Amino acid sequence: MNPATRLRKALGAASVVTVAATLLLGLWPYQPLSRNGVGTILQMLRGTQSFFPGNDVHWLETEPGLQFGEHGSIFSKSEFHSKGSKSGGAIEVWFQPATQKVEGTLLAFSKPEAPVQFRIRQVNTDLVLWHPSKPPEKNEGQWLSAENVLHSQRKVLITISADESGTIVYLNGEPARRADWFWMSPSDLEGTLVIADSPEGHDPWMGLVSGLAMYDRALSARDVEAHLQDWQTAGRKLAGESHLTALYLFEEGQGSTVQSAVGRGPQLKIPKALKSLRPAFLKPFWKEFGAPWDYWSDVAVNIAGFMPLGLFLSLFLRLEGKGRPMATVLLVGFLVSLAIELGQYFLPLRSSGTTDLLTNTSGAALGALLGGSSAGQKILTRFEKAPKS
């Protein structure tokens, strides 16, 4: 067989295999390069892990509460609504982080017109609050942090109380942070509630949640101290608080719903399968842009991952004598990337964005440039001139 024919068949097979492998990695339900990626594959081979991630949320056996694993979240079955109170509001969360070396969203509120209405995050040992700017300024919002207040294996009551004078963050009954410029209005605590993940995308939090209360007024220091004592003894007395809008004691111990101990709070739903409340669909690249290492490492991985596709396909097309190999590679690279991004919309651990479209297609183009370089052409010429075996 002519060496050129053998090379043509090899490059054709390599192009098909590369496209298939790229689609498989792109549509894999888990992050393929995450620290748990290999472990997940081994668990699937042993039959202890399903192909699609389940909702890793479990009732505690020895006390009221829910345990949230690496991939777990719950949602309110309907939206929270405030009465438009001008006297402020407050929220209490009785919880325990699984680790102090993690970043994730403890809880957030979401509306269709405001995917992230208000957010409480853990950033290692720091507690971070976020709400939209009023009026919105460049979609950046406002941040407030209480530093070095969260530690693993230690249950904590976080109370966030706000009125016209500003916001106070209490840690176990003691003021940890004050900010007169950060006002959490009652309207911030509206919409669908998500616990242990972000409403938009994937930002998991791990730990125990044993109580949640919301109020339509600000709480005094005396209120906060009294509530701490009640949370430490099951939180039942709180139900008599006249300004409660919702109270979740997580006493059910089984089932897929959490009931509010006061009438106005909607049920919380524990889905069987992991899902994202508002998954992004082809999120614009200018909204995905960021400086952190993870962003730029993803860009580099996406470019490098599509270069073999562009290289093999470009060499195959040139050996076949097809015209405009660069245009063909760009089209194929774009279509493969688009198929991946459309599929990732339905995968809760993946994200659908236009940044990947640009970087993937750029990677295919770089591979095609290598195939069309002088080195690539020398290889093709050598095989074409080689004698038949």
Protein backbone atom coordinates (compact mmCIF):
# COMPACT_ATOMS: atom_id res chain seq x y z
CA MET A 1 0.00 0.00 0.00
CA ASN A 2 1.23 3.49 -0.83
CA PRO A 3 2.62 5.23 2.27
CA ALA A 4 0.51 8.28 1.42
CA THR A 5 -2.60 6.08 1.39
CA ARG A 6 -1.66 4.61 4.75
CA LEU A 7 -1.10 8.08 6.16
CA ARG A 8 -4.40 9.28 4.70
CA LYS A 9 -6.28 6.45 6.41
CA ALA A 10 -4.41 7.01 9.67
CA LEU A 11 -5.15 10.74 9.64
CA GLY A 12 -8.80 10.12 8.78
CA ALA A 13 -9.13 7.68 11.68
CA ALA A 14 -7.27 10.05 14.00
CA SER A 15 -9.62 12.89 13.03
CA VAL A 16 -12.71 10.78 13.80
CA VAL A 17 -11.27 9.53 17.10
CA THR A 18 -10.25 13.04 18.12
CA VAL A 19 -13.73 14.45 17.43
CA ALA A 20 -15.33 11.58 19.38
CA ALA A 21 -12.94 11.98 22.32
CA THR A 22 -13.46 15.75 22.36
CA LEU A 23 -17.24 15.32 22.45
CA LEU A 24 -16.96 12.71 25.20
CA LEU A 25 -14.78 14.89 27.42
CA GLY A 26 -16.91 17.95 26.72
CA LEU A 27 -20.18 16.20 27.55
CA TRP A 28 -18.85 14.21 30.52
CA PRO A 29 -21.23 15.07 33.42
CA TYR A 30 -18.37 15.67 35.87
CA GLN A 31 -15.45 18.07 35.59
CA PRO A 32 -12.97 15.77 33.77
CA LEU A 33 -9.90 17.52 35.16
CA SER A 34 -11.16 17.99 38.72
CA ARG A 35 -9.36 16.43 41.68
CA ASN A 36 -12.17 13.89 41.99
CA GLY A 37 -12.43 13.11 38.28
CA VAL A 38 -10.41 9.88 38.34
CA GLY A 39 -12.06 8.77 41.56
CA THR A 40 -15.50 9.28 40.04
CA ILE A 41 -14.60 7.09 37.05
CA LEU A 42 -13.39 4.32 39.37
CA GLN A 43 -16.59 4.57 41.42
CA MET A 44 -18.67 4.28 38.26
CA LEU A 45 -16.73 1.17 37.20
CA ARG A 46 -17.42 -0.37 40.62
CA GLY A 47 -21.11 0.50 40.31
CA THR A 48 -21.11 2.82 43.34
CA GLN A 49 -21.61 6.01 41.33
CA SER A 50 -24.22 6.73 38.66
CA PHE A 51 -23.29 8.31 35.35
CA PHE A 52 -25.16 11.49 36.25
CA PRO A 53 -24.44 13.03 39.68
CA GLY A 54 -27.10 12.49 42.32
CA ASN A 55 -28.13 15.12 44.85
CA ASP A 56 -25.73 14.58 47.76
CA VAL A 57 -28.06 15.73 50.55
CA HIS A 58 -28.86 13.53 53.56
CA TRP A 59 -30.80 13.85 56.79
CA LEU A 60 -28.70 13.75 59.95
CA GLU A 61 -29.33 10.68 62.10
CA THR A 62 -28.47 12.03 65.57
CA GLU A 63 -29.88 15.56 65.43
CA PRO A 64 -32.09 17.81 63.28
CA GLY A 65 -30.46 19.02 60.10
CA LEU A 66 -29.26 18.23 56.60
CA GLN A 67 -25.80 17.16 55.48
CA PHE A 68 -24.68 18.69 52.17
CA GLY A 69 -21.93 16.85 50.31
CA GLU A 70 -19.78 17.98 47.40
CA HIS A 71 -22.68 17.96 44.93
CA GLY A 72 -25.91 18.76 46.78
CA SER A 73 -28.48 21.54 47.08
CA ILE A 74 -32.13 22.22 47.97
CA PHE A 75 -34.66 24.78 46.70
CA SER A 76 -37.83 26.48 47.90
CA LYS A 77 -40.90 25.12 46.09
CA SER A 78 -42.22 28.65 45.62
CA GLU A 79 -40.88 32.17 45.97
CA PHE A 80 -40.45 34.14 49.17
CA HIS A 81 -42.27 37.49 49.27
CA SER A 82 -41.66 40.38 51.63
CA LYS A 83 -44.27 42.91 52.72
CA GLY A 84 -42.13 45.77 51.58
CA SER A 85 -41.22 46.67 55.17
CA LYS A 86 -39.15 49.81 55.61
CA SER A 87 -37.99 48.82 59.08
CA GLY A 88 -35.40 46.41 57.74
CA GLY A 89 -35.08 42.67 57.96
CA ALA A 90 -32.92 39.85 59.30
CA ILE A 91 -31.88 36.29 58.55
CA GLU A 92 -30.35 33.65 60.84
CA VAL A 93 -28.53 30.50 59.72
CA TRP A 94 -27.53 27.75 62.21
CA PHE A 95 -24.90 25.68 60.43
CA GLN A 96 -21.50 24.00 60.48
CA PRO A 97 -18.99 24.15 57.58
CA ALA A 98 -17.49 20.82 56.54
CA THR A 99 -14.10 22.42 55.99
CA GLN A 100 -12.48 25.82 56.29
CA LYS A 101 -10.61 25.41 53.00
CA VAL A 102 -13.47 25.83 50.54
CA GLU A 103 -15.33 28.51 48.61
CA GLY A 104 -19.07 28.08 48.02
CA THR A 105 -22.51 29.63 48.30
CA LEU A 106 -24.22 28.82 51.59
CA LEU A 107 -27.54 30.27 50.43
CA ALA A 108 -28.90 32.68 47.86
CA PHE A 109 -32.18 34.13 46.63
CA SER A 110 -33.02 34.29 42.95
CA LYS A 111 -35.63 35.84 40.65
CA PRO A 112 -35.97 35.45 36.89
CA GLU A 113 -35.06 39.10 36.39
CA ALA A 114 -32.26 38.88 38.99
CA PRO A 115 -30.65 35.41 38.88
CA VAL A 116 -28.70 36.20 42.06
CA GLN A 117 -30.78 38.47 44.27
CA PHE A 118 -28.78 38.06 47.48
CA ARG A 119 -25.97 35.67 48.39
CA ILE A 120 -24.13 34.40 51.49
CA ARG A 121 -20.82 32.69 50.67
CA GLN A 122 -18.08 30.96 52.57
CA VAL A 123 -14.59 31.88 51.38
CA ASN A 124 -12.34 29.67 53.48
CA THR A 125 -12.78 31.10 57.01
CA ASP A 126 -14.53 34.29 55.83
CA LEU A 127 -18.27 34.92 55.54
CA VAL A 128 -19.10 37.08 52.51
CA LEU A 129 -22.41 38.79 51.71
CA TRP A 130 -23.42 40.12 48.29
CA HIS A 131 -26.41 41.97 46.92
CA PRO A 132 -26.99 43.99 43.75
CA SER A 133 -26.06 47.65 43.74
CA LYS A 134 -29.02 49.98 44.00
CA PRO A 135 -29.19 51.27 41.36
CA PRO A 136 -27.11 48.58 39.59
CA GLU A 137 -23.61 49.72 38.69
CA LYS A 138 -21.87 47.65 36.01
CA ASN A 139 -23.54 44.51 37.37
CA GLU A 140 -20.92 44.35 40.13
CA GLY A 141 -23.05 44.63 43.26
CA GLN A 142 -21.82 45.24 46.79
CA TRP A 143 -19.74 42.95 49.01
CA LEU A 144 -19.45 42.73 52.78
CA SER A 145 -17.17 40.27 54.54
CA ALA A 146 -16.65 39.09 58.11
CA GLU A 147 -13.15 37.65 58.32
CA ASN A 148 -11.95 34.51 60.08
CA VAL A 149 -15.33 33.55 61.56
CA LEU A 150 -15.96 30.11 59.99
CA HIS A 151 -14.23 26.95 61.13
CA SER A 152 -14.85 23.29 60.38
CA GLN A 153 -16.30 21.02 63.08
CA ARG A 154 -17.75 24.04 64.86
CA LYS A 155 -21.43 24.94 64.67
CA VAL A 156 -22.13 28.64 64.34
CA LEU A 157 -25.15 30.94 64.31
CA ILE A 158 -24.79 33.70 61.76
CA THR A 159 -27.30 36.55 62.17
CA ILE A 160 -27.51 39.30 59.55
CA SER A 161 -29.65 42.22 60.64
CA ALA A 162 -30.23 45.37 58.59
CA ASP A 163 -32.21 48.60 58.68
CA GLU A 164 -31.78 52.15 57.39
CA SER A 165 -28.66 52.61 59.52
CA GLY A 166 -26.83 49.73 57.86
CA THR A 167 -26.07 46.06 58.41
CA ILE A 168 -24.66 44.15 61.39
CA VAL A 169 -23.31 40.61 61.09
CA TYR A 170 -23.41 38.67 64.37
CA LEU A 171 -21.40 35.55 65.09
CA ASN A 172 -22.84 33.45 67.92
CA GLY A 173 -24.58 36.48 69.38
CA GLU A 174 -21.59 38.84 69.16
CA PRO A 175 -21.18 41.61 66.52
CA ALA A 176 -18.55 40.55 63.98
CA ARG A 177 -18.97 43.22 61.29
CA ARG A 178 -20.83 46.51 60.94
CA ALA A 179 -21.37 48.44 57.69
CA ASP A 180 -23.49 51.57 57.39
CA TRP A 181 -23.10 51.50 53.59
CA PHE A 182 -24.39 47.95 53.10
CA TRP A 183 -28.17 47.80 53.53
CA MET A 184 -29.82 44.43 53.07
CA SER A 185 -33.41 45.37 52.26
CA PRO A 186 -36.36 43.00 52.76
CA SER A 187 -36.69 42.81 48.98
CA ASP A 188 -33.25 41.14 48.87
CA LEU A 189 -34.76 38.14 50.67
CA GLU A 190 -37.33 37.51 47.93
CA GLY A 191 -37.52 34.92 45.17
CA THR A 192 -36.53 31.27 45.12
CA LEU A 193 -34.19 30.19 47.90
CA VAL A 194 -31.23 27.93 47.06
CA ILE A 195 -29.18 26.35 49.86
CA ALA A 196 -25.63 25.01 49.36
CA ASP A 197 -25.18 26.16 45.76
CA SER A 198 -25.50 29.18 43.51
CA PRO A 199 -28.78 29.73 41.62
CA GLU A 200 -26.68 30.49 38.55
CA GLY A 201 -23.97 28.05 37.56
CA HIS A 202 -22.31 25.80 40.15
CA ASP A 203 -20.77 27.06 43.39
CA PRO A 204 -21.21 24.20 45.91
CA TRP A 205 -20.97 24.52 49.68
CA MET A 206 -20.41 21.56 52.03
CA GLY A 207 -21.50 21.17 55.63
CA LEU A 208 -24.49 20.87 57.97
CA VAL A 209 -27.53 23.16 58.04
CA SER A 210 -29.65 22.79 61.19
CA GLY A 211 -31.78 25.93 61.17
CA LEU A 212 -32.90 28.94 59.15
CA ALA A 213 -35.08 31.88 60.19
CA MET A 214 -36.15 35.05 58.40
CA TYR A 215 -37.67 38.20 59.90
CA ASP A 216 -39.39 41.26 58.46
CA ARG A 217 -37.68 43.60 60.94
CA ALA A 218 -34.16 44.22 62.18
CA LEU A 219 -33.07 42.37 65.31
CA SER A 220 -31.59 44.03 68.38
CA ALA A 221 -28.48 42.76 70.13
CA ARG A 222 -30.73 41.43 72.91
CA ASP A 223 -32.87 39.58 70.34
CA VAL A 224 -29.80 37.98 68.78
CA GLU A 225 -28.46 36.81 72.14
CA ALA A 226 -31.83 35.32 73.12
CA HIS A 227 -32.19 33.59 69.74
CA LEU A 228 -28.75 32.02 70.09
CA GLN A 229 -29.78 30.38 73.35
CA ASP A 230 -32.96 29.10 71.69
CA TRP A 231 -31.12 27.69 68.65
CA GLN A 232 -28.80 25.84 70.99
CA THR A 233 -31.87 24.16 72.53
CA ALA A 234 -33.68 23.19 69.27
CA GLY A 235 -35.14 26.57 68.28
CA ARG A 236 -38.75 25.80 69.17
CA LYS A 237 -39.40 29.01 71.13
CA LEU A 238 -38.61 31.06 68.04
CA ALA A 239 -41.95 30.04 66.50
CA GLY A 240 -43.63 32.55 68.81
CA GLU A 241 -41.71 35.48 67.32
CA SER A 242 -44.32 37.76 65.72
CA HIS A 243 -42.04 39.10 62.98
CA LEU A 244 -40.94 35.70 61.65
CA THR A 245 -41.64 35.18 57.97
CA ALA A 246 -40.11 31.68 57.80
CA LEU A 247 -38.60 29.19 60.27
CA TYR A 248 -36.98 25.90 59.27
CA LEU A 249 -35.90 23.57 62.06
CA PHE A 250 -35.03 20.58 59.81
CA GLU A 251 -36.69 18.15 62.22
CA GLU A 252 -38.34 15.94 59.60
CA GLY A 253 -35.51 13.41 59.54
CA GLN A 254 -36.76 11.82 56.31
CA GLY A 255 -38.58 12.62 53.09
CA SER A 256 -37.96 15.16 50.35
CA THR A 257 -39.45 18.31 51.89
CA VAL A 258 -38.68 20.68 54.76
CA GLN A 259 -41.64 22.48 56.30
CA SER A 260 -41.64 25.96 57.79
CA ALA A 261 -42.69 26.06 61.45
CA VAL A 262 -44.60 29.30 60.73
CA GLY A 263 -47.29 29.53 58.09
CA ARG A 264 -45.81 32.04 55.65
CA GLY A 265 -42.66 30.17 54.66
CA PRO A 266 -42.81 27.96 51.55
CA GLN A 267 -41.69 24.33 51.60
CA LEU A 268 -38.09 23.49 50.80
CA LYS A 269 -37.64 20.70 48.26
CA ILE A 270 -34.82 18.13 48.25
CA PRO A 271 -34.48 16.99 44.60
CA LYS A 272 -33.42 13.41 43.91
CA ALA A 273 -30.98 14.47 41.20
CA LEU A 274 -28.54 17.35 41.28
CA LYS A 275 -29.70 20.31 39.25
CA SER A 276 -29.03 23.99 38.74
CA LEU A 277 -31.88 26.44 39.30
CA ARG A 278 -30.97 28.78 36.46
CA PRO A 279 -28.24 27.20 34.31
CA ALA A 280 -26.51 29.63 32.00
CA PHE A 281 -27.12 29.16 28.28
CA LEU A 282 -24.23 30.33 26.11
CA LYS A 283 -23.26 32.96 28.68
CA PRO A 284 -21.62 35.96 26.94
CA PHE A 285 -17.85 35.87 27.20
CA TRP A 286 -17.64 39.40 28.65
CA LYS A 287 -19.67 38.17 31.65
CA GLU A 288 -17.46 35.10 32.07
CA PHE A 289 -14.20 37.02 31.98
CA GLY A 290 -12.18 36.93 35.17
CA ALA A 291 -8.63 37.21 36.44
CA PRO A 292 -8.46 34.14 38.73
CA TRP A 293 -6.12 31.30 37.85
CA ASP A 294 -9.02 28.90 37.21
CA TYR A 295 -10.36 31.08 34.39
CA TRP A 296 -7.06 31.34 32.54
CA SER A 297 -6.16 27.70 33.10
CA ASP A 298 -9.52 26.74 31.54
CA VAL A 299 -8.74 28.96 28.56
CA ALA A 300 -5.35 27.25 28.09
CA VAL A 301 -6.87 23.76 28.45
CA ASN A 302 -9.62 24.52 25.92
CA ILE A 303 -7.16 25.83 23.34
CA ALA A 304 -4.77 22.90 23.81
CA GLY A 305 -7.64 20.39 23.80
CA PHE A 306 -8.84 21.37 20.33
CA MET A 307 -5.41 21.64 18.70
CA PRO A 308 -5.16 17.88 17.91
CA LEU A 309 -8.51 18.03 16.13
CA GLY A 310 -7.33 20.94 14.00
CA LEU A 311 -3.94 19.34 13.30
CA PHE A 312 -5.19 15.87 12.25
CA LEU A 313 -8.12 17.19 10.23
CA SER A 314 -5.97 19.80 8.48
CA LEU A 315 -3.32 17.24 7.49
CA PHE A 316 -6.01 14.83 6.28
CA LEU A 317 -7.71 17.49 4.14
CA ARG A 318 -4.40 18.63 2.65
CA LEU A 319 -3.41 15.05 1.82
CA GLU A 320 -6.83 14.55 0.21
CA GLY A 321 -6.26 17.67 -1.85
CA LYS A 322 -9.39 19.35 -0.52
CA GLY A 323 -9.60 23.08 -0.95
CA ARG A 324 -9.74 25.55 1.94
CA PRO A 325 -8.70 23.22 4.79
CA MET A 326 -8.49 26.13 7.27
CA ALA A 327 -12.11 27.13 6.65
CA THR A 328 -13.22 23.49 7.02
CA VAL A 329 -11.30 23.07 10.28
CA LEU A 330 -12.79 26.29 11.67
CA LEU A 331 -16.30 25.15 10.78
CA VAL A 332 -15.84 21.66 12.26
CA GLY A 333 -14.17 23.04 15.39
CA PHE A 334 -16.96 25.55 15.90
CA LEU A 335 -19.73 22.96 15.36
CA VAL A 336 -18.11 20.45 17.75
CA SER A 337 -17.68 23.19 20.36
CA LEU A 338 -21.27 24.38 19.86
CA ALA A 339 -22.58 20.83 20.34
CA ILE A 340 -20.64 20.61 23.60
CA GLU A 341 -21.89 23.96 24.90
CA LEU A 342 -25.50 23.13 24.03
CA GLY A 343 -25.16 19.79 25.82
CA GLN A 344 -23.51 21.32 28.87
CA TYR A 345 -26.60 23.44 29.45
CA PHE A 346 -28.30 20.26 30.69
CA LEU A 347 -25.36 19.15 32.90
CA PRO A 348 -25.43 20.74 36.38
CA LEU A 349 -21.67 20.46 36.93
CA ARG A 350 -20.76 22.01 33.59
CA SER A 351 -21.33 25.50 32.21
CA SER A 352 -22.50 26.70 28.82
CA GLY A 353 -20.63 29.79 27.66
CA THR A 354 -19.34 31.60 24.61
CA THR A 355 -15.79 31.82 26.00
CA ASP A 356 -15.38 28.10 25.28
CA LEU A 357 -16.72 28.60 21.76
CA LEU A 358 -13.99 31.16 21.10
CA THR A 359 -11.14 29.27 22.78
CA ASN A 360 -12.09 25.88 21.34
CA THR A 361 -12.35 27.25 17.81
CA SER A 362 -9.07 29.11 18.31
CA GLY A 363 -7.43 25.87 19.39
CA ALA A 364 -8.65 24.11 16.25
CA ALA A 365 -7.31 27.02 14.16
CA LEU A 366 -3.88 26.77 15.81
CA GLY A 367 -3.81 23.05 15.07
CA ALA A 368 -4.67 23.79 11.43
CA LEU A 369 -1.86 26.34 11.27
CA LEU A 370 0.56 23.69 12.49
CA GLY A 371 -0.73 21.33 9.82
CA GLY A 372 -0.20 23.98 7.16
CA SER A 373 3.24 24.98 8.39
CA SER A 374 6.42 24.12 6.51
CA ALA A 375 7.07 21.22 8.90
CA GLY A 376 3.62 19.79 8.23
CA GLN A 377 4.02 20.15 4.50
CA LYS A 378 7.43 18.43 4.58
CA ILE A 379 5.86 15.42 6.29
CA LEU A 380 3.10 15.19 3.70
CA THR A 381 5.54 15.59 0.82
CA ARG A 382 7.82 12.87 2.20
CA PHE A 383 4.97 10.38 2.39
CA GLU A 384 3.64 11.28 -1.06
CA LYS A 385 7.07 10.72 -2.64
CA ALA A 386 7.83 7.52 -0.70
CA PRO A 387 7.88 4.36 -2.83
CA LYS A 388 5.14 1.77 -2.50
CA SER A 389 5.88 -1.08 -0.13
